[in-house]
């Protein structure tokens, strides 16, 4: 995928995640339907991984794609500590809290989405 295309595809994923998250219906900072939260967070996290793959291809063109979060952490830590810090937060907020545990916290999900957008901007 071309750089600009990857960026646009990541943004498309995030738009889709936001649409799905609206279906979770929020009341006083708490989401009511966990299924939609989990789905939206999973899609947003996939956008993060897609952006990271593109970033790493640019930095390490001859290396294969990362297979797990530990590999992403290791490779990103060699390239950019700022992205690593954002990745660690996005992983906790989107993948663990949002997708895996199904958090109801709108604050956690919002922070995860903000971090996803920050990572995506690195492949713009």
C-alpha atoms as a PDB file:
ATOM      1  CA  UNK A   1       0.000   0.000   0.000  1.00  0.00           C
ATOM      2  CA  UNK A   2       1.286   3.463  -0.793  1.00  0.00           C
ATOM      3  CA  UNK A   3       2.012   5.783   2.139  1.00  0.00           C
ATOM      4  CA  UNK A   4      -0.909   8.141   1.493  1.00  0.00           C
ATOM      5  CA  UNK A   5      -3.216   5.188   0.923  1.00  0.00           C
ATOM      6  CA  UNK A   6      -2.225   3.626   4.265  1.00  0.00           C
ATOM      7  CA  UNK A   7      -2.912   6.912   6.022  1.00  0.00           C
ATOM      8  CA  UNK A   8      -6.333   7.209   4.370  1.00  0.00           C
ATOM      9  CA  UNK A   9      -7.149   3.575   5.138  1.00  0.00           C
ATOM     10  CA  UNK A  10      -6.241   4.097   8.801  1.00  0.00           C
ATOM     11  CA  UNK A  11      -8.484   7.171   8.896  1.00  0.00           C
ATOM     12  CA  UNK A  12     -11.282   5.117   7.299  1.00  0.00           C
ATOM     13  CA  UNK A  13     -10.910   2.502  10.035  1.00  0.00           C
ATOM     14  CA  UNK A  14     -11.117   5.230  12.681  1.00  0.00           C
ATOM     15  CA  UNK A  15     -14.221   6.733  11.073  1.00  0.00           C
ATOM     16  CA  UNK A  16     -15.812   3.292  11.104  1.00  0.00           C
ATOM     17  CA  UNK A  17     -14.819   2.770  14.749  1.00  0.00           C
ATOM     18  CA  UNK A  18     -16.384   6.113  15.730  1.00  0.00           C
ATOM     19  CA  UNK A  19     -19.633   5.207  13.960  1.00  0.00           C
ATOM     20  CA  UNK A  20     -19.828   1.888  15.775  1.00  0.00           C
ATOM     21  CA  UNK A  21     -18.980   3.480  19.129  1.00  0.00           C
ATOM     22  CA  UNK A  22     -21.977   5.802  18.809  1.00  0.00           C
ATOM     23  CA  UNK A  23     -24.200   2.725  18.931  1.00  0.00           C
ATOM     24  CA  UNK A  24     -22.872   1.923  22.430  1.00  0.00           C
ATOM     25  CA  UNK A  25     -24.860   4.853  23.829  1.00  0.00           C
ATOM     26  CA  UNK A  26     -23.166   6.794  26.598  1.00  0.00           C
ATOM     27  CA  UNK A  27     -24.682   7.965  29.900  1.00  0.00           C
ATOM     28  CA  UNK A  28     -22.638   9.985  32.410  1.00  0.00           C
ATOM     29  CA  UNK A  29     -19.332   8.825  30.918  1.00  0.00           C
ATOM     30  CA  UNK A  30     -20.335   5.143  30.894  1.00  0.00           C
ATOM     31  CA  UNK A  31     -21.062   3.132  27.772  1.00  0.00           C
ATOM     32  CA  UNK A  32     -24.176   0.984  27.968  1.00  0.00           C
ATOM     33  CA  UNK A  33     -23.497  -1.642  25.285  1.00  0.00           C
ATOM     34  CA  UNK A  34     -20.101  -3.299  25.640  1.00  0.00           C
ATOM     35  CA  UNK A  35     -20.365  -5.194  22.355  1.00  0.00           C
ATOM     36  CA  UNK A  36     -20.104  -1.966  20.379  1.00  0.00           C
ATOM     37  CA  UNK A  37     -17.274  -0.676  22.582  1.00  0.00           C
ATOM     38  CA  UNK A  38     -15.298  -3.866  22.013  1.00  0.00           C
ATOM     39  CA  UNK A  39     -15.898  -3.789  18.260  1.00  0.00           C
ATOM     40  CA  UNK A  40     -14.964  -0.105  17.939  1.00  0.00           C
ATOM     41  CA  UNK A  41     -11.827  -0.506  20.051  1.00  0.00           C
ATOM     42  CA  UNK A  42     -10.772  -3.552  18.025  1.00  0.00           C
ATOM     43  CA  UNK A  43     -11.116  -1.626  14.775  1.00  0.00           C
ATOM     44  CA  UNK A  44      -9.245   1.383  16.162  1.00  0.00           C
ATOM     45  CA  UNK A  45      -6.438  -0.874  17.407  1.00  0.00           C
ATOM     46  CA  UNK A  46      -6.201  -2.467  13.955  1.00  0.00           C
ATOM     47  CA  UNK A  47      -5.746   1.039  12.516  1.00  0.00           C
ATOM     48  CA  UNK A  48      -2.875   1.550  14.986  1.00  0.00           C
ATOM     49  CA  UNK A  49      -1.200  -1.674  13.885  1.00  0.00           C
ATOM     50  CA  UNK A  50      -1.640  -0.789  10.210  1.00  0.00           C
ATOM     51  CA  UNK A  51      -0.011   2.603  10.806  1.00  0.00           C
ATOM     52  CA  UNK A  52       2.833   1.019  12.778  1.00  0.00           C
ATOM     53  CA  UNK A  53       3.433  -1.512  10.016  1.00  0.00           C
ATOM     54  CA  UNK A  54       3.755   1.306   7.506  1.00  0.00           C
ATOM     55  CA  UNK A  55       6.042   3.289   9.809  1.00  0.00           C
ATOM     56  CA  UNK A  56       8.308   0.283  10.350  1.00  0.00           C
ATOM     57  CA  UNK A  57       8.397  -0.551   6.627  1.00  0.00           C
ATOM     58  CA  UNK A  58       9.759   2.944   6.026  1.00  0.00           C
ATOM     59  CA  UNK A  59      12.367   2.604   8.777  1.00  0.00           C
ATOM     60  CA  UNK A  60      13.303  -1.065   8.297  1.00  0.00           C
ATOM     61  CA  UNK A  61      12.357  -1.960   4.710  1.00  0.00           C
ATOM     62  CA  UNK A  62      13.880  -5.443   4.698  1.00  0.00           C
ATOM     63  CA  UNK A  63      12.284  -6.729   7.896  1.00  0.00           C
ATOM     64  CA  UNK A  64       9.053  -8.743   8.008  1.00  0.00           C
ATOM     65  CA  UNK A  65       5.929  -7.437   9.721  1.00  0.00           C
ATOM     66  CA  UNK A  66       5.787  -7.694  13.487  1.00  0.00           C
ATOM     67  CA  UNK A  67       3.954 -10.762  14.767  1.00  0.00           C
ATOM     68  CA  UNK A  68       2.983  -9.609  18.275  1.00  0.00           C
ATOM     69  CA  UNK A  69       2.936  -6.600  20.579  1.00  0.00           C
ATOM     70  CA  UNK A  70       6.320  -7.454  22.073  1.00  0.00           C
ATOM     71  CA  UNK A  71       7.916  -7.304  18.639  1.00  0.00           C
ATOM     72  CA  UNK A  72       6.205  -3.981  17.902  1.00  0.00           C
ATOM     73  CA  UNK A  73       7.459  -2.589  21.224  1.00  0.00           C
ATOM     74  CA  UNK A  74      11.005  -3.745  20.610  1.00  0.00           C
ATOM     75  CA  UNK A  75      11.187  -2.421  17.060  1.00  0.00           C
ATOM     76  CA  UNK A  76       9.463   0.891  17.803  1.00  0.00           C
ATOM     77  CA  UNK A  77      11.706   1.472  20.823  1.00  0.00           C
ATOM     78  CA  UNK A  78      14.706   1.442  18.478  1.00  0.00           C
ATOM     79  CA  UNK A  79      13.088   3.972  16.151  1.00  0.00           C
ATOM     80  CA  UNK A  80      11.076   6.486  18.153  1.00  0.00           C
ATOM     81  CA  UNK A  81      10.510   6.652  21.936  1.00  0.00           C
ATOM     82  CA  UNK A  82       7.582   9.052  21.506  1.00  0.00           C
ATOM     83  CA  UNK A  83       5.689   6.578  19.347  1.00  0.00           C
ATOM     84  CA  UNK A  84       6.536   3.813  21.817  1.00  0.00           C
ATOM     85  CA  UNK A  85       4.972   5.748  24.686  1.00  0.00           C
ATOM     86  CA  UNK A  86       1.817   6.395  22.646  1.00  0.00           C
ATOM     87  CA  UNK A  87       1.702   2.751  21.532  1.00  0.00           C
ATOM     88  CA  UNK A  88       1.872   1.502  25.119  1.00  0.00           C
ATOM     89  CA  UNK A  89      -1.076   3.710  26.054  1.00  0.00           C
ATOM     90  CA  UNK A  90      -3.087   2.771  22.951  1.00  0.00           C
ATOM     91  CA  UNK A  91      -2.429  -0.920  23.602  1.00  0.00           C
ATOM     92  CA  UNK A  92      -3.676  -0.617  27.196  1.00  0.00           C
ATOM     93  CA  UNK A  93      -6.681   1.533  26.348  1.00  0.00           C
ATOM     94  CA  UNK A  94      -7.872   0.054  23.070  1.00  0.00           C
ATOM     95  CA  UNK A  95      -6.734  -3.548  23.028  1.00  0.00           C
ATOM     96  CA  UNK A  96      -6.715  -4.560  26.695  1.00  0.00           C
ATOM     97  CA  UNK A  97      -9.347  -2.308  28.323  1.00  0.00           C
ATOM     98  CA  UNK A  98     -11.566  -1.662  25.304  1.00  0.00           C
ATOM     99  CA  UNK A  99     -11.481  -4.807  23.213  1.00  0.00           C
ATOM    100  CA  UNK A 100     -10.431  -7.538  25.600  1.00  0.00           C
ATOM    101  CA  UNK A 101     -12.064  -6.435  28.866  1.00  0.00           C
ATOM    102  CA  UNK A 102     -14.894  -4.355  27.387  1.00  0.00           C
ATOM    103  CA  UNK A 103     -14.481  -1.239  29.490  1.00  0.00           C
ATOM    104  CA  UNK A 104     -17.496   0.958  29.966  1.00  0.00           C
ATOM    105  CA  UNK A 105     -15.338   4.032  30.627  1.00  0.00           C
ATOM    106  CA  UNK A 106     -15.826   6.673  27.948  1.00  0.00           C
ATOM    107  CA  UNK A 107     -12.720   8.451  29.262  1.00  0.00           C
ATOM    108  CA  UNK A 108     -10.535   5.395  28.616  1.00  0.00           C
ATOM    109  CA  UNK A 109     -11.942   4.851  25.126  1.00  0.00           C
ATOM    110  CA  UNK A 110     -11.592   8.545  24.245  1.00  0.00           C
ATOM    111  CA  UNK A 111      -7.946   8.508  25.317  1.00  0.00           C
ATOM    112  CA  UNK A 112      -7.357   5.353  23.272  1.00  0.00           C
ATOM    113  CA  UNK A 113      -8.865   6.945  20.166  1.00  0.00           C
ATOM    114  CA  UNK A 114      -6.770  10.092  20.665  1.00  0.00           C
ATOM    115  CA  UNK A 115      -3.621   7.972  20.908  1.00  0.00           C
ATOM    116  CA  UNK A 116      -4.610   6.037  17.792  1.00  0.00           C
ATOM    117  CA  UNK A 117      -4.910   9.295  15.851  1.00  0.00           C
ATOM    118  CA  UNK A 118      -1.489  10.402  17.111  1.00  0.00           C
ATOM    119  CA  UNK A 119       0.130   7.219  15.805  1.00  0.00           C
ATOM    120  CA  UNK A 120      -1.704   7.454  12.487  1.00  0.00           C
ATOM    121  CA  UNK A 121      -0.355  10.984  11.985  1.00  0.00           C
ATOM    122  CA  UNK A 122       3.173   9.552  11.896  1.00  0.00           C
ATOM    123  CA  UNK A 123       2.393   7.895   8.526  1.00  0.00           C
ATOM    124  CA  UNK A 124       0.779  10.967   6.955  1.00  0.00           C
END
